[in-house]
Amino acid sequence: MLKAKIFVQLKASVLDPQGKAVTNSLHHLGFEEVLETRISKYIEMTFTSNDKAMVSEQVEKICDSLLANPNTESYHFQLEEAE
């Protein structure tokens, strides 16, 4: 079995209002050294297959069709053996 660890984040050119709100809250709490916060999504999927090429292809299709908006988000992932 393989596990895909998928990270989806806004592209650098896209404003992140949620991240800005977190940064402002941190500043109000005294964490003035925080320059910027970007909010991302982390997703784990476990596959029954051990075929890395096939799982990688499936994860690409899943990200392209469902998990990431190609206009505003980018993604990367890593595969590892599931426990």
C-alpha atoms as a PDB file:
ATOM      1  CA  MET A   1       0.000   0.000   0.000  1.00  0.00           C
ATOM      2  CA  LEU A   2       1.125   3.522  -0.756  1.00  0.00           C
ATOM      3  CA  LYS A   3       0.276   6.772   0.980  1.00  0.00           C
ATOM      4  CA  ALA A   4       0.188  10.073  -0.902  1.00  0.00           C
ATOM      5  CA  LYS A   5       0.942  13.204   1.120  1.00  0.00           C
ATOM      6  CA  ILE A   6      -0.478  16.093  -0.883  1.00  0.00           C
ATOM      7  CA  PHE A   7       0.177  19.784  -0.270  1.00  0.00           C
ATOM      8  CA  VAL A   8      -2.039  22.376  -1.986  1.00  0.00           C
ATOM      9  CA  GLN A   9      -1.187  26.048  -1.607  1.00  0.00           C
ATOM     10  CA  LEU A  10      -2.135  29.353  -3.179  1.00  0.00           C
ATOM     11  CA  LYS A  11       0.216  30.563  -5.873  1.00  0.00           C
ATOM     12  CA  ALA A  12       2.596  33.279  -4.693  1.00  0.00           C
ATOM     13  CA  SER A  13       0.825  35.874  -6.836  1.00  0.00           C
ATOM     14  CA  VAL A  14      -2.573  35.189  -5.200  1.00  0.00           C
ATOM     15  CA  LEU A  15      -3.592  37.150  -2.126  1.00  0.00           C
ATOM     16  CA  ASP A  16      -4.283  35.031   0.953  1.00  0.00           C
ATOM     17  CA  PRO A  17      -6.883  36.841   3.110  1.00  0.00           C
ATOM     18  CA  GLN A  18      -7.049  33.979   5.603  1.00  0.00           C
ATOM     19  CA  GLY A  19      -3.278  34.070   6.009  1.00  0.00           C
ATOM     20  CA  LYS A  20      -3.379  37.853   6.414  1.00  0.00           C
ATOM     21  CA  ALA A  21      -5.994  37.513   9.164  1.00  0.00           C
ATOM     22  CA  VAL A  22      -3.803  34.982  10.992  1.00  0.00           C
ATOM     23  CA  THR A  23      -0.768  37.275  10.692  1.00  0.00           C
ATOM     24  CA  ASN A  24      -2.776  40.205  12.092  1.00  0.00           C
ATOM     25  CA  SER A  25      -4.015  38.063  14.992  1.00  0.00           C
ATOM     26  CA  LEU A  26      -0.479  36.922  15.744  1.00  0.00           C
ATOM     27  CA  HIS A  27       0.709  40.537  15.783  1.00  0.00           C
ATOM     28  CA  HIS A  28      -2.073  41.384  18.277  1.00  0.00           C
ATOM     29  CA  LEU A  29      -0.854  38.489  20.435  1.00  0.00           C
ATOM     30  CA  GLY A  30       2.660  39.932  20.471  1.00  0.00           C
ATOM     31  CA  PHE A  31       4.279  37.837  17.743  1.00  0.00           C
ATOM     32  CA  GLU A  32       5.487  40.870  15.792  1.00  0.00           C
ATOM     33  CA  GLU A  33       8.342  38.923  14.193  1.00  0.00           C
ATOM     34  CA  VAL A  34       5.872  36.997  11.989  1.00  0.00           C
ATOM     35  CA  LEU A  35       6.181  38.607   8.562  1.00  0.00           C
ATOM     36  CA  GLU A  36       3.614  36.629   6.570  1.00  0.00           C
ATOM     37  CA  THR A  37       1.347  33.619   6.948  1.00  0.00           C
ATOM     38  CA  ARG A  38       0.111  31.516   4.030  1.00  0.00           C
ATOM     39  CA  ILE A  39      -2.644  28.976   4.635  1.00  0.00           C
ATOM     40  CA  SER A  40      -2.396  25.686   2.760  1.00  0.00           C
ATOM     41  CA  LYS A  41      -4.200  22.347   2.612  1.00  0.00           C
ATOM     42  CA  TYR A  42      -2.635  19.020   3.511  1.00  0.00           C
ATOM     43  CA  ILE A  43      -4.336  15.829   2.360  1.00  0.00           C
ATOM     44  CA  GLU A  44      -3.366  12.178   2.902  1.00  0.00           C
ATOM     45  CA  MET A  45      -4.664   9.363   0.712  1.00  0.00           C
ATOM     46  CA  THR A  46      -3.899   5.686   1.063  1.00  0.00           C
ATOM     47  CA  PHE A  47      -3.972   3.471  -2.020  1.00  0.00           C
ATOM     48  CA  THR A  48      -4.207  -0.307  -2.187  1.00  0.00           C
ATOM     49  CA  SER A  49      -1.605  -0.423  -4.957  1.00  0.00           C
ATOM     50  CA  ASN A  50       2.178  -0.554  -4.575  1.00  0.00           C
ATOM     51  CA  ASP A  51       2.731   0.659  -8.153  1.00  0.00           C
ATOM     52  CA  LYS A  52       4.311   4.097  -7.672  1.00  0.00           C
ATOM     53  CA  ALA A  53       3.931   5.127 -11.308  1.00  0.00           C
ATOM     54  CA  MET A  54       0.228   4.278 -11.374  1.00  0.00           C
ATOM     55  CA  VAL A  55      -0.498   5.905  -8.006  1.00  0.00           C
ATOM     56  CA  SER A  56       1.476   8.992  -8.986  1.00  0.00           C
ATOM     57  CA  GLU A  57      -0.571   9.297 -12.174  1.00  0.00           C
ATOM     58  CA  GLN A  58      -3.809   8.913 -10.216  1.00  0.00           C
ATOM     59  CA  VAL A  59      -2.773  11.529  -7.647  1.00  0.00           C
ATOM     60  CA  GLU A  60      -1.942  13.969 -10.470  1.00  0.00           C
ATOM     61  CA  LYS A  61      -5.404  13.435 -11.981  1.00  0.00           C
ATOM     62  CA  ILE A  62      -7.096  13.787  -8.578  1.00  0.00           C
ATOM     63  CA  CYS A  63      -5.271  17.029  -7.858  1.00  0.00           C
ATOM     64  CA  ASP A  64      -5.915  18.439 -11.323  1.00  0.00           C
ATOM     65  CA  SER A  65      -9.612  17.548 -11.346  1.00  0.00           C
ATOM     66  CA  LEU A  66     -10.658  18.022  -7.714  1.00  0.00           C
ATOM     67  CA  LEU A  67      -8.171  19.136  -5.077  1.00  0.00           C
ATOM     68  CA  ALA A  68      -6.417  22.132  -6.645  1.00  0.00           C
ATOM     69  CA  ASN A  69      -7.732  25.044  -8.670  1.00  0.00           C
ATOM     70  CA  PRO A  70      -5.086  25.452 -11.403  1.00  0.00           C
ATOM     71  CA  ASN A  71      -5.846  29.170 -11.716  1.00  0.00           C
ATOM     72  CA  THR A  72      -5.004  30.021  -8.121  1.00  0.00           C
ATOM     73  CA  GLU A  73      -3.301  27.008  -6.524  1.00  0.00           C
ATOM     74  CA  SER A  74      -0.291  24.795  -7.012  1.00  0.00           C
ATOM     75  CA  TYR A  75       0.377  21.414  -5.469  1.00  0.00           C
ATOM     76  CA  HIS A  76       3.077  18.864  -4.867  1.00  0.00           C
ATOM     77  CA  PHE A  77       2.997  15.443  -3.305  1.00  0.00           C
ATOM     78  CA  GLN A  78       5.171  12.624  -2.106  1.00  0.00           C
ATOM     79  CA  LEU A  79       4.511   8.912  -1.998  1.00  0.00           C
ATOM     80  CA  GLU A  80       5.585   6.620   0.792  1.00  0.00           C
ATOM     81  CA  GLU A  81       4.867   3.145   2.034  1.00  0.00           C
ATOM     82  CA  ALA A  82       1.695   3.120   4.157  1.00  0.00           C
ATOM     83  CA  GLU A  83       1.919   1.644   7.618  1.00  0.00           C
END
